[in-house]
Amino acid sequence: KEKGNQYVKMGKKHYSDAIDCYTRAINQKALSDSENSAIYANRAHVNLLLGNYRRAITDAEEAIKLCP
């Protein structure tokens, strides 16, 4: 998660790296629901910045499901 956040701060050309980091964190299935919710929300934010609106909505909905 932290590495993904760093990529976001580095600017637009690093957004895909941020998404990769968030995806790897989610796929580890080692975090709590609230932690995964935050990661989904972060990934939704980056997808929104990239104009990937459907992916952003999907991730935002998953974040809400995990931690309303």
N, C-alpha and C. Protein backbone atom coordinates (compact mmCIF):
# COMPACT_ATOMS: atom_id res chain seq x y z
N LYS A 1 0.83 -1.20 0.00
CA LYS A 1 0.00 0.00 0.00
C LYS A 1 0.87 1.25 0.00
N GLU A 2 1.87 1.27 0.88
CA GLU A 2 2.72 2.46 0.99
C GLU A 2 3.48 2.71 -0.32
N LYS A 3 3.96 1.65 -0.93
CA LYS A 3 4.68 1.79 -2.21
C LYS A 3 3.74 2.37 -3.27
N GLY A 4 2.51 1.91 -3.31
CA GLY A 4 1.53 2.45 -4.24
C GLY A 4 1.28 3.92 -4.00
N ASN A 5 1.18 4.30 -2.73
CA ASN A 5 0.98 5.71 -2.38
C ASN A 5 2.16 6.56 -2.86
N GLN A 6 3.36 6.01 -2.73
CA GLN A 6 4.54 6.74 -3.20
C GLN A 6 4.48 6.97 -4.71
N TYR A 7 4.06 5.93 -5.45
CA TYR A 7 3.95 6.08 -6.90
C TYR A 7 2.93 7.15 -7.28
N VAL A 8 1.83 7.21 -6.55
CA VAL A 8 0.82 8.23 -6.85
C VAL A 8 1.42 9.63 -6.67
N LYS A 9 2.18 9.81 -5.60
CA LYS A 9 2.79 11.11 -5.34
C LYS A 9 3.81 11.49 -6.41
N MET A 10 4.36 10.50 -7.10
CA MET A 10 5.38 10.76 -8.13
C MET A 10 4.78 11.28 -9.43
N GLY A 11 3.47 11.18 -9.57
CA GLY A 11 2.83 11.76 -10.74
C GLY A 11 2.21 10.76 -11.69
N LYS A 12 1.55 11.30 -12.69
CA LYS A 12 0.70 10.52 -13.59
C LYS A 12 1.41 9.37 -14.28
N LYS A 13 2.66 9.55 -14.66
CA LYS A 13 3.32 8.47 -15.39
C LYS A 13 3.63 7.26 -14.50
N HIS A 14 3.41 7.39 -13.20
CA HIS A 14 3.62 6.27 -12.27
C HIS A 14 2.31 5.66 -11.76
N TYR A 15 1.18 6.16 -12.26
CA TYR A 15 -0.11 5.66 -11.78
C TYR A 15 -0.29 4.17 -12.04
N SER A 16 0.17 3.67 -13.19
CA SER A 16 -0.01 2.24 -13.46
C SER A 16 0.81 1.40 -12.48
N ASP A 17 1.98 1.92 -12.06
CA ASP A 17 2.77 1.22 -11.04
C ASP A 17 2.02 1.19 -9.71
N ALA A 18 1.34 2.28 -9.39
CA ALA A 18 0.55 2.34 -8.15
C ALA A 18 -0.56 1.30 -8.19
N ILE A 19 -1.25 1.22 -9.32
CA ILE A 19 -2.33 0.24 -9.46
C ILE A 19 -1.79 -1.17 -9.28
N ASP A 20 -0.62 -1.45 -9.86
CA ASP A 20 0.00 -2.77 -9.70
C ASP A 20 0.28 -3.07 -8.23
N CYS A 21 0.80 -2.09 -7.51
CA CYS A 21 1.09 -2.29 -6.08
C CYS A 21 -0.18 -2.57 -5.28
N TYR A 22 -1.21 -1.79 -5.54
CA TYR A 22 -2.47 -1.99 -4.83
C TYR A 22 -3.07 -3.36 -5.16
N THR A 23 -2.98 -3.76 -6.42
CA THR A 23 -3.51 -5.06 -6.83
C THR A 23 -2.76 -6.20 -6.14
N ARG A 24 -1.45 -6.09 -6.09
CA ARG A 24 -0.65 -7.13 -5.41
C ARG A 24 -1.02 -7.21 -3.93
N ALA A 25 -1.22 -6.06 -3.30
CA ALA A 25 -1.60 -6.04 -1.88
C ALA A 25 -2.94 -6.72 -1.67
N ILE A 26 -3.90 -6.45 -2.55
CA ILE A 26 -5.23 -7.07 -2.44
C ILE A 26 -5.13 -8.58 -2.65
N ASN A 27 -4.35 -9.00 -3.64
CA ASN A 27 -4.25 -10.41 -3.99
C ASN A 27 -3.54 -11.25 -2.93
N GLN A 28 -2.81 -10.62 -2.04
CA GLN A 28 -2.14 -11.36 -0.97
C GLN A 28 -3.12 -11.94 0.03
N LYS A 29 -4.30 -11.34 0.12
CA LYS A 29 -5.35 -11.81 1.02
C LYS A 29 -4.85 -11.99 2.46
N ALA A 30 -3.96 -11.10 2.88
CA ALA A 30 -3.38 -11.21 4.21
C ALA A 30 -3.79 -10.05 5.11
N LEU A 31 -4.61 -9.15 4.58
CA LEU A 31 -4.96 -7.95 5.33
C LEU A 31 -6.39 -8.00 5.85
N SER A 32 -6.69 -7.15 6.79
CA SER A 32 -8.05 -7.08 7.33
C SER A 32 -8.98 -6.44 6.31
N ASP A 33 -10.28 -6.56 6.55
CA ASP A 33 -11.26 -5.95 5.66
C ASP A 33 -11.08 -4.44 5.59
N SER A 34 -10.80 -3.81 6.72
CA SER A 34 -10.64 -2.35 6.70
C SER A 34 -9.39 -1.94 5.93
N GLU A 35 -8.32 -2.72 6.05
CA GLU A 35 -7.10 -2.42 5.28
C GLU A 35 -7.34 -2.63 3.79
N ASN A 36 -8.00 -3.73 3.44
CA ASN A 36 -8.32 -3.98 2.03
C ASN A 36 -9.26 -2.92 1.48
N SER A 37 -10.19 -2.46 2.30
CA SER A 37 -11.10 -1.41 1.88
C SER A 37 -10.33 -0.15 1.50
N ALA A 38 -9.35 0.21 2.31
CA ALA A 38 -8.54 1.39 2.02
C ALA A 38 -7.75 1.22 0.73
N ILE A 39 -7.25 0.01 0.50
CA ILE A 39 -6.47 -0.24 -0.72
C ILE A 39 -7.39 -0.18 -1.94
N TYR A 40 -8.57 -0.77 -1.84
CA TYR A 40 -9.53 -0.65 -2.95
C TYR A 40 -9.88 0.81 -3.22
N ALA A 41 -10.05 1.59 -2.15
CA ALA A 41 -10.38 3.00 -2.32
C ALA A 41 -9.22 3.74 -3.00
N ASN A 42 -8.00 3.42 -2.60
CA ASN A 42 -6.83 4.04 -3.23
C ASN A 42 -6.77 3.69 -4.72
N ARG A 43 -7.00 2.42 -5.02
CA ARG A 43 -6.95 1.99 -6.43
C ARG A 43 -8.09 2.64 -7.22
N ALA A 44 -9.24 2.78 -6.59
CA ALA A 44 -10.36 3.47 -7.25
C ALA A 44 -9.97 4.91 -7.57
N HIS A 45 -9.30 5.56 -6.65
CA HIS A 45 -8.88 6.95 -6.85
C HIS A 45 -7.92 7.06 -8.04
N VAL A 46 -6.96 6.16 -8.13
CA VAL A 46 -6.01 6.22 -9.24
C VAL A 46 -6.72 5.92 -10.57
N ASN A 47 -7.62 4.94 -10.55
CA ASN A 47 -8.38 4.65 -11.77
C ASN A 47 -9.21 5.86 -12.19
N LEU A 48 -9.76 6.56 -11.22
CA LEU A 48 -10.52 7.78 -11.52
C LEU A 48 -9.61 8.83 -12.17
N LEU A 49 -8.42 8.99 -11.63
CA LEU A 49 -7.46 9.95 -12.20
C LEU A 49 -7.08 9.59 -13.63
N LEU A 50 -7.05 8.28 -13.92
CA LEU A 50 -6.68 7.81 -15.26
C LEU A 50 -7.87 7.81 -16.22
N GLY A 51 -9.07 8.07 -15.70
CA GLY A 51 -10.25 8.05 -16.55
C GLY A 51 -10.84 6.66 -16.74
N ASN A 52 -10.40 5.70 -15.91
CA ASN A 52 -10.95 4.35 -15.94
C ASN A 52 -12.16 4.30 -15.00
N TYR A 53 -13.24 4.92 -15.46
CA TYR A 53 -14.38 5.14 -14.56
C TYR A 53 -15.07 3.86 -14.10
N ARG A 54 -15.24 2.91 -15.00
CA ARG A 54 -15.90 1.66 -14.61
C ARG A 54 -15.07 0.91 -13.56
N ARG A 55 -13.77 0.86 -13.77
CA ARG A 55 -12.90 0.22 -12.77
C ARG A 55 -12.94 0.97 -11.45
N ALA A 56 -12.98 2.28 -11.53
CA ALA A 56 -13.04 3.09 -10.30
C ALA A 56 -14.32 2.78 -9.53
N ILE A 57 -15.43 2.69 -10.22
CA ILE A 57 -16.70 2.38 -9.56
C ILE A 57 -16.67 1.00 -8.93
N THR A 58 -16.14 0.03 -9.67
CA THR A 58 -16.07 -1.35 -9.16
C THR A 58 -15.23 -1.41 -7.89
N ASP A 59 -14.08 -0.75 -7.90
CA ASP A 59 -13.23 -0.75 -6.70
C ASP A 59 -13.87 0.01 -5.55
N ALA A 60 -14.53 1.12 -5.84
CA ALA A 60 -15.20 1.89 -4.79
C ALA A 60 -16.31 1.05 -4.15
N GLU A 61 -17.07 0.33 -4.97
CA GLU A 61 -18.13 -0.53 -4.42
C GLU A 61 -17.55 -1.63 -3.55
N GLU A 62 -16.43 -2.20 -3.97
CA GLU A 62 -15.79 -3.25 -3.17
C GLU A 62 -15.29 -2.67 -1.85
N ALA A 63 -14.74 -1.48 -1.87
CA ALA A 63 -14.28 -0.82 -0.65
C ALA A 63 -15.44 -0.63 0.33
N ILE A 64 -16.57 -0.21 -0.19
CA ILE A 64 -17.76 0.01 0.67
C ILE A 64 -18.27 -1.30 1.22
N LYS A 65 -18.26 -2.36 0.40
CA LYS A 65 -18.71 -3.68 0.87
C LYS A 65 -17.86 -4.17 2.04
N LEU A 66 -16.56 -3.97 1.92
CA LEU A 66 -15.65 -4.47 2.96
C LEU A 66 -15.74 -3.67 4.24
N CYS A 67 -15.99 -2.38 4.10
CA CYS A 67 -15.99 -1.52 5.30
C CYS A 67 -16.97 -0.36 5.10
N PRO A 68 -18.26 -0.64 5.31
CA PRO A 68 -19.29 0.39 5.06
C PRO A 68 -19.09 1.60 5.95
